[in-house]
Amino acid sequence: MSDIDKVKRIQQEIEKLCKSVEEIKRDSSSNRVSEMCDNLLEKIDEKMIEITEYLEHLESLEIQKQRELLHEAKEMLKTVKPKLEELKKAHHE
């Protein structure tokens, strides 16, 4: 898998995670919200680790475009994670 293909795959996975967050928000009456939030938070953490490791790899290769795309993807996750944690907290209250 080329570097660009890997970056595109990661971005697609992140887009799916973001959509999942929106689905949970719409289905917030479900008894499974907490469980769904936990699962998504775990996936987000895994993606953050994968991106960080891959960024380190790319930095060693000095491939700028992939690095920029991954930094953007990481920023997307940073904005989604607090919203998901807030939703989970609100559902517990």
PDB file of N, CA and C in Angstrom:
ATOM      1  N   MET A   1       0.858  -1.179   0.000  1.00  0.00           N
ATOM      2  CA  MET A   1       0.000   0.000   0.000  1.00  0.00           C
ATOM      3  C   MET A   1       0.902   1.240   0.000  1.00  0.00           C
ATOM      4  N   SER A   2       0.629   2.138  -0.934  1.00  0.00           N
ATOM      5  CA  SER A   2       1.435   3.354  -1.013  1.00  0.00           C
ATOM      6  C   SER A   2       1.101   4.286   0.151  1.00  0.00           C
ATOM      7  N   ASP A   3       1.971   5.261   0.362  1.00  0.00           N
ATOM      8  CA  ASP A   3       1.738   6.223   1.436  1.00  0.00           C
ATOM      9  C   ASP A   3       0.436   6.980   1.215  1.00  0.00           C
ATOM     10  N   ILE A   4       0.181   7.397  -0.007  1.00  0.00           N
ATOM     11  CA  ILE A   4      -1.057   8.141  -0.302  1.00  0.00           C
ATOM     12  C   ILE A   4      -2.273   7.266  -0.043  1.00  0.00           C
ATOM     13  N   ASP A   5      -2.224   6.004  -0.466  1.00  0.00           N
ATOM     14  CA  ASP A   5      -3.344   5.088  -0.233  1.00  0.00           C
ATOM     15  C   ASP A   5      -3.599   4.903   1.251  1.00  0.00           C
ATOM     16  N   LYS A   6      -2.526   4.794   2.026  1.00  0.00           N
ATOM     17  CA  LYS A   6      -2.673   4.610   3.467  1.00  0.00           C
ATOM     18  C   LYS A   6      -3.308   5.845   4.099  1.00  0.00           C
ATOM     19  N   VAL A   7      -2.867   7.017   3.675  1.00  0.00           N
ATOM     20  CA  VAL A   7      -3.436   8.261   4.206  1.00  0.00           C
ATOM     21  C   VAL A   7      -4.914   8.361   3.839  1.00  0.00           C
ATOM     22  N   LYS A   8      -5.256   8.026   2.605  1.00  0.00           N
ATOM     23  CA  LYS A   8      -6.662   8.069   2.183  1.00  0.00           C
ATOM     24  C   LYS A   8      -7.504   7.086   2.991  1.00  0.00           C
ATOM     25  N   ARG A   9      -6.970   5.900   3.264  1.00  0.00           N
ATOM     26  CA  ARG A   9      -7.688   4.907   4.063  1.00  0.00           C
ATOM     27  C   ARG A   9      -7.934   5.445   5.469  1.00  0.00           C
ATOM     28  N   ILE A  10      -6.922   6.044   6.054  1.00  0.00           N
ATOM     29  CA  ILE A  10      -7.067   6.607   7.402  1.00  0.00           C
ATOM     30  C   ILE A  10      -8.127   7.707   7.390  1.00  0.00           C
ATOM     31  N   GLN A  11      -8.090   8.571   6.382  1.00  0.00           N
ATOM     32  CA  GLN A  11      -9.088   9.645   6.296  1.00  0.00           C
ATOM     33  C   GLN A  11     -10.501   9.082   6.170  1.00  0.00           C
ATOM     34  N   GLN A  12     -10.670   8.041   5.379  1.00  0.00           N
ATOM     35  CA  GLN A  12     -11.996   7.431   5.225  1.00  0.00           C
ATOM     36  C   GLN A  12     -12.475   6.841   6.543  1.00  0.00           C
ATOM     37  N   GLU A  13     -11.567   6.215   7.280  1.00  0.00           N
ATOM     38  CA  GLU A  13     -11.937   5.652   8.579  1.00  0.00           C
ATOM     39  C   GLU A  13     -12.345   6.757   9.547  1.00  0.00           C
ATOM     40  N   ILE A  14     -11.662   7.886   9.496  1.00  0.00           N
ATOM     41  CA  ILE A  14     -11.989   9.008  10.366  1.00  0.00           C
ATOM     42  C   ILE A  14     -13.354   9.590   9.986  1.00  0.00           C
ATOM     43  N   GLU A  15     -13.619   9.698   8.695  1.00  0.00           N
ATOM     44  CA  GLU A  15     -14.926  10.184   8.252  1.00  0.00           C
ATOM     45  C   GLU A  15     -16.039   9.266   8.766  1.00  0.00           C
ATOM     46  N   LYS A  16     -15.807   7.957   8.755  1.00  0.00           N
ATOM     47  CA  LYS A  16     -16.795   7.009   9.285  1.00  0.00           C
ATOM     48  C   LYS A  16     -16.995   7.226  10.781  1.00  0.00           C
ATOM     49  N   LEU A  17     -15.891   7.467  11.511  1.00  0.00           N
ATOM     50  CA  LEU A  17     -16.001   7.727  12.945  1.00  0.00           C
ATOM     51  C   LEU A  17     -16.822   8.982  13.199  1.00  0.00           C
ATOM     52  N   CYS A  18     -16.568  10.020  12.413  1.00  0.00           N
ATOM     53  CA  CYS A  18     -17.316  11.271  12.575  1.00  0.00           C
ATOM     54  C   CYS A  18     -18.803  11.060  12.300  1.00  0.00           C
ATOM     55  N   LYS A  19     -19.114  10.271  11.281  1.00  0.00           N
ATOM     56  CA  LYS A  19     -20.509   9.963  10.978  1.00  0.00           C
ATOM     57  C   LYS A  19     -21.141   9.172  12.116  1.00  0.00           C
ATOM     58  N   SER A  20     -20.371   8.277  12.704  1.00  0.00           N
ATOM     59  CA  SER A  20     -20.881   7.488  13.827  1.00  0.00           C
ATOM     60  C   SER A  20     -21.238   8.381  15.003  1.00  0.00           C
ATOM     61  N   VAL A  21     -20.431   9.410  15.237  1.00  0.00           N
ATOM     62  CA  VAL A  21     -20.725  10.355  16.316  1.00  0.00           C
ATOM     63  C   VAL A  21     -22.053  11.045  16.043  1.00  0.00           C
ATOM     64  N   GLU A  22     -22.275  11.468  14.806  1.00  0.00           N
ATOM     65  CA  GLU A  22     -23.529  12.117  14.444  1.00  0.00           C
ATOM     66  C   GLU A  22     -24.709  11.162  14.629  1.00  0.00           C
ATOM     67  N   GLU A  23     -24.515   9.885  14.284  1.00  0.00           N
ATOM     68  CA  GLU A  23     -25.578   8.901  14.455  1.00  0.00           C
ATOM     69  C   GLU A  23     -25.919   8.723  15.934  1.00  0.00           C
ATOM     70  N   ILE A  24     -24.897   8.716  16.776  1.00  0.00           N
ATOM     71  CA  ILE A  24     -25.147   8.579  18.215  1.00  0.00           C
ATOM     72  C   ILE A  24     -25.921   9.797  18.721  1.00  0.00           C
ATOM     73  N   LYS A  25     -25.556  10.974  18.235  1.00  0.00           N
ATOM     74  CA  LYS A  25     -26.271  12.187  18.661  1.00  0.00           C
ATOM     75  C   LYS A  25     -27.743  12.089  18.300  1.00  0.00           C
ATOM     76  N   ARG A  26     -28.041  11.580  17.109  1.00  0.00           N
ATOM     77  CA  ARG A  26     -29.438  11.461  16.674  1.00  0.00           C
ATOM     78  C   ARG A  26     -30.176  10.388  17.471  1.00  0.00           C
ATOM     79  N   ASP A  27     -29.448   9.368  17.895  1.00  0.00           N
ATOM     80  CA  ASP A  27     -30.063   8.236  18.592  1.00  0.00           C
ATOM     81  C   ASP A  27     -29.740   8.297  20.085  1.00  0.00           C
ATOM     82  N   SER A  28     -29.718   9.497  20.637  1.00  0.00           N
ATOM     83  CA  SER A  28     -29.272   9.667  22.022  1.00  0.00           C
ATOM     84  C   SER A  28     -30.240   9.095  23.049  1.00  0.00           C
ATOM     85  N   SER A  29     -31.411   8.656  22.603  1.00  0.00           N
ATOM     86  CA  SER A  29     -32.365   8.059  23.539  1.00  0.00           C
ATOM     87  C   SER A  29     -32.036   6.587  23.811  1.00  0.00           C
ATOM     88  N   SER A  30     -31.136   6.047  23.026  1.00  0.00           N
ATOM     89  CA  SER A  30     -30.793   4.631  23.165  1.00  0.00           C
ATOM     90  C   SER A  30     -30.128   4.347  24.504  1.00  0.00           C
ATOM     91  N   ASN A  31     -30.387   3.179  25.022  1.00  0.00           N
ATOM     92  CA  ASN A  31     -29.736   2.740  26.262  1.00  0.00           C
ATOM     93  C   ASN A  31     -28.264   2.431  26.031  1.00  0.00           C
ATOM     94  N   ARG A  32     -27.880   2.314  24.792  1.00  0.00           N
ATOM     95  CA  ARG A  32     -26.521   1.913  24.459  1.00  0.00           C
ATOM     96  C   ARG A  32     -25.605   3.099  24.178  1.00  0.00           C
ATOM     97  N   VAL A  33     -26.055   4.325  24.420  1.00  0.00           N
ATOM     98  CA  VAL A  33     -25.250   5.503  24.096  1.00  0.00           C
ATOM     99  C   VAL A  33     -23.887   5.431  24.764  1.00  0.00           C
ATOM    100  N   SER A  34     -23.865   5.116  26.034  1.00  0.00           N
ATOM    101  CA  SER A  34     -22.601   5.062  26.770  1.00  0.00           C
ATOM    102  C   SER A  34     -21.657   4.029  26.157  1.00  0.00           C
ATOM    103  N   GLU A  35     -22.200   2.871  25.857  1.00  0.00           N
ATOM    104  CA  GLU A  35     -21.395   1.804  25.242  1.00  0.00           C
ATOM    105  C   GLU A  35     -20.895   2.231  23.862  1.00  0.00           C
ATOM    106  N   MET A  36     -21.782   2.838  23.064  1.00  0.00           N
ATOM    107  CA  MET A  36     -21.386   3.284  21.730  1.00  0.00           C
ATOM    108  C   MET A  36     -20.320   4.373  21.827  1.00  0.00           C
ATOM    109  N   CYS A  37     -20.474   5.276  22.791  1.00  0.00           N
ATOM    110  CA  CYS A  37     -19.475   6.333  22.987  1.00  0.00           C
ATOM    111  C   CYS A  37     -18.128   5.726  23.378  1.00  0.00           C
ATOM    112  N   ASP A  38     -18.159   4.768  24.288  1.00  0.00           N
ATOM    113  CA  ASP A  38     -16.914   4.113  24.705  1.00  0.00           C
ATOM    114  C   ASP A  38     -16.217   3.452  23.515  1.00  0.00           C
ATOM    115  N   ASN A  39     -17.000   2.751  22.691  1.00  0.00           N
ATOM    116  CA  ASN A  39     -16.422   2.089  21.517  1.00  0.00           C
ATOM    117  C   ASN A  39     -15.792   3.106  20.567  1.00  0.00           C
ATOM    118  N   LEU A  40     -16.509   4.203  20.328  1.00  0.00           N
ATOM    119  CA  LEU A  40     -15.967   5.220  19.426  1.00  0.00           C
ATOM    120  C   LEU A  40     -14.742   5.910  20.025  1.00  0.00           C
ATOM    121  N   LEU A  41     -14.776   6.186  21.308  1.00  0.00           N
ATOM    122  CA  LEU A  41     -13.615   6.804  21.958  1.00  0.00           C
ATOM    123  C   LEU A  41     -12.390   5.900  21.840  1.00  0.00           C
ATOM    124  N   GLU A  42     -12.604   4.602  21.987  1.00  0.00           N
ATOM    125  CA  GLU A  42     -11.502   3.645  21.845  1.00  0.00           C
ATOM    126  C   GLU A  42     -10.960   3.670  20.421  1.00  0.00           C
ATOM    127  N   LYS A  43     -11.852   3.691  19.436  1.00  0.00           N
ATOM    128  CA  LYS A  43     -11.427   3.729  18.036  1.00  0.00           C
ATOM    129  C   LYS A  43     -10.680   5.027  17.733  1.00  0.00           C
ATOM    130  N   ILE A  44     -11.157   6.134  18.287  1.00  0.00           N
ATOM    131  CA  ILE A  44     -10.484   7.424  18.086  1.00  0.00           C
ATOM    132  C   ILE A  44      -9.077   7.368  18.668  1.00  0.00           C
ATOM    133  N   ASP A  45      -8.948   6.836  19.872  1.00  0.00           N
ATOM    134  CA  ASP A  45      -7.618   6.717  20.481  1.00  0.00           C
ATOM    135  C   ASP A  45      -6.701   5.847  19.620  1.00  0.00           C
ATOM    136  N   GLU A  46      -7.235   4.746  19.095  1.00  0.00           N
ATOM    137  CA  GLU A  46      -6.433   3.867  18.233  1.00  0.00           C
ATOM    138  C   GLU A  46      -5.993   4.609  16.968  1.00  0.00           C
ATOM    139  N   LYS A  47      -6.905   5.383  16.368  1.00  0.00           N
ATOM    140  CA  LYS A  47      -6.563   6.146  15.163  1.00  0.00           C
ATOM    141  C   LYS A  47      -5.510   7.203  15.470  1.00  0.00           C
ATOM    142  N   MET A  48      -5.640   7.858  16.633  1.00  0.00           N
ATOM    143  CA  MET A  48      -4.660   8.876  17.010  1.00  0.00           C
ATOM    144  C   MET A  48      -3.265   8.252  17.117  1.00  0.00           C
ATOM    145  N   ILE A  49      -3.197   7.073  17.726  1.00  0.00           N
ATOM    146  CA  ILE A  49      -1.907   6.383  17.849  1.00  0.00           C
ATOM    147  C   ILE A  49      -1.381   6.002  16.472  1.00  0.00           C
ATOM    148  N   GLU A  50      -2.247   5.439  15.635  1.00  0.00           N
ATOM    149  CA  GLU A  50      -1.835   5.047  14.288  1.00  0.00           C
ATOM    150  C   GLU A  50      -1.332   6.251  13.500  1.00  0.00           C
ATOM    151  N   ILE A  51      -2.050   7.357  13.582  1.00  0.00           N
ATOM    152  CA  ILE A  51      -1.645   8.562  12.858  1.00  0.00           C
ATOM    153  C   ILE A  51      -0.313   9.079  13.388  1.00  0.00           C
ATOM    154  N   THR A  52      -0.166   9.118  14.706  1.00  0.00           N
ATOM    155  CA  THR A  52       1.077   9.610  15.292  1.00  0.00           C
ATOM    156  C   THR A  52       2.265   8.752  14.850  1.00  0.00           C
ATOM    157  N   GLU A  53       2.091   7.434  14.896  1.00  0.00           N
ATOM    158  CA  GLU A  53       3.165   6.541  14.458  1.00  0.00           C
ATOM    159  C   GLU A  53       3.472   6.738  12.978  1.00  0.00           C
ATOM    160  N   TYR A  54       2.435   6.886  12.182  1.00  0.00           N
ATOM    161  CA  TYR A  54       2.639   7.056  10.751  1.00  0.00           C
ATOM    162  C   TYR A  54       3.273   8.417  10.452  1.00  0.00           C
ATOM    163  N   LEU A  55       2.881   9.443  11.218  1.00  0.00           N
ATOM    164  CA  LEU A  55       3.514  10.752  11.050  1.00  0.00           C
ATOM    165  C   LEU A  55       5.012  10.671  11.330  1.00  0.00           C
ATOM    166  N   GLU A  56       5.371   9.941  12.362  1.00  0.00           N
ATOM    167  CA  GLU A  56       6.789   9.761  12.676  1.00  0.00           C
ATOM    168  C   GLU A  56       7.507   9.084  11.517  1.00  0.00           C
ATOM    169  N   HIS A  57       6.862   8.075  10.938  1.00  0.00           N
ATOM    170  CA  HIS A  57       7.428   7.386   9.785  1.00  0.00           C
ATOM    171  C   HIS A  57       7.600   8.353   8.607  1.00  0.00           C
ATOM    172  N   LEU A  58       6.564   9.131   8.334  1.00  0.00           N
ATOM    173  CA  LEU A  58       6.617  10.066   7.214  1.00  0.00           C
ATOM    174  C   LEU A  58       7.629  11.172   7.453  1.00  0.00           C
ATOM    175  N   GLU A  59       7.732  11.629   8.695  1.00  0.00           N
ATOM    176  CA  GLU A  59       8.710  12.667   8.998  1.00  0.00           C
ATOM    177  C   GLU A  59      10.112  12.166   8.698  1.00  0.00           C
ATOM    178  N   SER A  60      10.343  10.893   8.952  1.00  0.00           N
ATOM    179  CA  SER A  60      11.659  10.346   8.643  1.00  0.00           C
ATOM    180  C   SER A  60      11.880  10.310   7.130  1.00  0.00           C
ATOM    181  N   LEU A  61      10.803  10.208   6.381  1.00  0.00           N
ATOM    182  CA  LEU A  61      10.899  10.212   4.916  1.00  0.00           C
ATOM    183  C   LEU A  61      10.740  11.620   4.334  1.00  0.00           C
ATOM    184  N   GLU A  62      10.326  12.545   5.206  1.00  0.00           N
ATOM    185  CA  GLU A  62      10.095  13.937   4.811  1.00  0.00           C
ATOM    186  C   GLU A  62       9.108  14.046   3.643  1.00  0.00           C
ATOM    187  N   ILE A  63       8.003  13.362   3.788  1.00  0.00           N
ATOM    188  CA  ILE A  63       6.946  13.419   2.767  1.00  0.00           C
ATOM    189  C   ILE A  63       5.896  14.410   3.259  1.00  0.00           C
ATOM    190  N   GLN A  64       5.941  15.600   2.729  1.00  0.00           N
ATOM    191  CA  GLN A  64       5.143  16.710   3.250  1.00  0.00           C
ATOM    192  C   GLN A  64       3.640  16.549   3.042  1.00  0.00           C
ATOM    193  N   LYS A  65       3.196  16.152   1.875  1.00  0.00           N
ATOM    194  CA  LYS A  65       1.762  16.125   1.578  1.00  0.00           C
ATOM    195  C   LYS A  65       1.019  15.162   2.512  1.00  0.00           C
ATOM    196  N   GLN A  66       1.554  13.956   2.679  1.00  0.00           N
ATOM    197  CA  GLN A  66       0.902  12.996   3.555  1.00  0.00           C
ATOM    198  C   GLN A  66       0.875  13.516   4.989  1.00  0.00           C
ATOM    199  N   ARG A  67       1.947  14.154   5.398  1.00  0.00           N
ATOM    200  CA  ARG A  67       2.010  14.702   6.748  1.00  0.00           C
ATOM    201  C   ARG A  67       0.923  15.744   6.957  1.00  0.00           C
ATOM    202  N   GLU A  68       0.745  16.619   5.977  1.00  0.00           N
ATOM    203  CA  GLU A  68      -0.279  17.652   6.087  1.00  0.00           C
ATOM    204  C   GLU A  68      -1.675  17.030   6.197  1.00  0.00           C
ATOM    205  N   LEU A  69      -1.945  16.048   5.354  1.00  0.00           N
ATOM    206  CA  LEU A  69      -3.252  15.390   5.374  1.00  0.00           C
ATOM    207  C   LEU A  69      -3.495  14.698   6.712  1.00  0.00           C
ATOM    208  N   LEU A  70      -2.479  14.058   7.242  1.00  0.00           N
ATOM    209  CA  LEU A  70      -2.641  13.382   8.525  1.00  0.00           C
ATOM    210  C   LEU A  70      -2.802  14.374   9.670  1.00  0.00           C
ATOM    211  N   HIS A  71      -2.103  15.497   9.588  1.00  0.00           N
ATOM    212  CA  HIS A  71      -2.297  16.515  10.625  1.00  0.00           C
ATOM    213  C   HIS A  71      -3.738  17.027  10.587  1.00  0.00           C
ATOM    214  N   GLU A  72      -4.281  17.209   9.383  1.00  0.00           N
ATOM    215  CA  GLU A  72      -5.676  17.629   9.258  1.00  0.00           C
ATOM    216  C   GLU A  72      -6.602  16.568   9.857  1.00  0.00           C
ATOM    217  N   ALA A  73      -6.329  15.305   9.563  1.00  0.00           N
ATOM    218  CA  ALA A  73      -7.152  14.215  10.086  1.00  0.00           C
ATOM    219  C   ALA A  73      -7.083  14.187  11.612  1.00  0.00           C
ATOM    220  N   LYS A  74      -5.908  14.397  12.137  1.00  0.00           N
ATOM    221  CA  LYS A  74      -5.737  14.389  13.594  1.00  0.00           C
ATOM    222  C   LYS A  74      -6.508  15.543  14.225  1.00  0.00           C
ATOM    223  N   GLU A  75      -6.501  16.701  13.585  1.00  0.00           N
ATOM    224  CA  GLU A  75      -7.266  17.841  14.096  1.00  0.00           C
ATOM    225  C   GLU A  75      -8.758  17.543  14.092  1.00  0.00           C
ATOM    226  N   MET A  76      -9.226  16.831  13.046  1.00  0.00           N
ATOM    227  CA  MET A  76     -10.637  16.435  13.000  1.00  0.00           C
ATOM    228  C   MET A  76     -10.976  15.575  14.210  1.00  0.00           C
ATOM    229  N   LEU A  77     -10.095  14.627  14.516  1.00  0.00           N
ATOM    230  CA  LEU A  77     -10.340  13.755  15.667  1.00  0.00           C
ATOM    231  C   LEU A  77     -10.324  14.543  16.964  1.00  0.00           C
ATOM    232  N   LYS A  78      -9.446  15.516  17.054  1.00  0.00           N
ATOM    233  CA  LYS A  78      -9.357  16.325  18.273  1.00  0.00           C
ATOM    234  C   LYS A  78     -10.644  17.113  18.498  1.00  0.00           C
ATOM    235  N   THR A  79     -11.331  17.490  17.427  1.00  0.00           N
ATOM    236  CA  THR A  79     -12.579  18.229  17.591  1.00  0.00           C
ATOM    237  C   THR A  79     -13.753  17.299  17.874  1.00  0.00           C
ATOM    238  N   VAL A  80     -13.703  16.094  17.335  1.00  0.00           N
ATOM    239  CA  VAL A  80     -14.803  15.142  17.527  1.00  0.00           C
ATOM    240  C   VAL A  80     -14.769  14.527  18.921  1.00  0.00           C
ATOM    241  N   LYS A  81     -13.586  14.224  19.414  1.00  0.00           N
ATOM    242  CA  LYS A  81     -13.467  13.515  20.694  1.00  0.00           C
ATOM    243  C   LYS A  81     -14.131  14.266  21.842  1.00  0.00           C
ATOM    244  N   PRO A  82     -13.879  15.585  22.039  1.00  0.00           N
ATOM    245  CA  PRO A  82     -14.542  16.272  23.154  1.00  0.00           C
ATOM    246  C   PRO A  82     -16.069  16.295  23.018  1.00  0.00           C
ATOM    247  N   LYS A  83     -16.547  16.419  21.793  1.00  0.00           N
ATOM    248  CA  LYS A  83     -17.994  16.413  21.571  1.00  0.00           C
ATOM    249  C   LYS A  83     -18.588  15.072  21.988  1.00  0.00           C
ATOM    250  N   LEU A  84     -17.890  14.011  21.658  1.00  0.00           N
ATOM    251  CA  LEU A  84     -18.358  12.678  22.013  1.00  0.00           C
ATOM    252  C   LEU A  84     -18.308  12.483  23.529  1.00  0.00           C
ATOM    253  N   GLU A  85     -17.235  12.944  24.142  1.00  0.00           N
ATOM    254  CA  GLU A  85     -17.133  12.833  25.605  1.00  0.00           C
ATOM    255  C   GLU A  85     -18.226  13.660  26.288  1.00  0.00           C
ATOM    256  N   GLU A  86     -18.532  14.835  25.740  1.00  0.00           N
ATOM    257  CA  GLU A  86     -19.585  15.680  26.287  1.00  0.00           C
ATOM    258  C   GLU A  86     -20.942  14.997  26.159  1.00  0.00           C
ATOM    259  N   LEU A  87     -21.182  14.378  25.009  1.00  0.00           N
ATOM    260  CA  LEU A  87     -22.430  13.651  24.789  1.00  0.00           C
ATOM    261  C   LEU A  87     -22.558  12.507  25.785  1.00  0.00           C
ATOM    262  N   LYS A  88     -21.481  11.784  25.987  1.00  0.00           N
ATOM    263  CA  LYS A  88     -21.499  10.674  26.934  1.00  0.00           C
ATOM    264  C   LYS A  88     -21.786  11.187  28.347  1.00  0.00           C
ATOM    265  N   LYS A  89     -21.135  12.280  28.720  1.00  0.00           N
ATOM    266  CA  LYS A  89     -21.319  12.850  30.054  1.00  0.00           C
ATOM    267  C   LYS A  89     -22.765  13.326  30.233  1.00  0.00           C
ATOM    268  N   ALA A  90     -23.302  13.988  29.230  1.00  0.00           N
ATOM    269  CA  ALA A  90     -24.674  14.496  29.297  1.00  0.00           C
ATOM    270  C   ALA A  90     -25.671  13.345  29.418  1.00  0.00           C
ATOM    271  N   HIS A  91     -25.382  12.244  28.765  1.00  0.00           N
ATOM    272  CA  HIS A  91     -26.293  11.100  28.813  1.00  0.00           C
ATOM    273  C   HIS A  91     -26.283  10.444  30.192  1.00  0.00           C
ATOM    274  N   HIS A  92     -25.150  10.532  30.885  1.00  0.00           N
ATOM    275  CA  HIS A  92     -25.048   9.949  32.228  1.00  0.00           C
ATOM    276  C   HIS A  92     -25.784  10.777  33.265  1.00  0.00           C
ATOM    277  N   GLU A  93     -25.936  12.074  33.005  1.00  0.00           N
ATOM    278  CA  GLU A  93     -26.543  12.973  34.006  1.00  0.00           C
ATOM    279  C   GLU A  93     -28.039  12.864  34.053  1.00  0.00           C
TER     280      GLU A  93
END
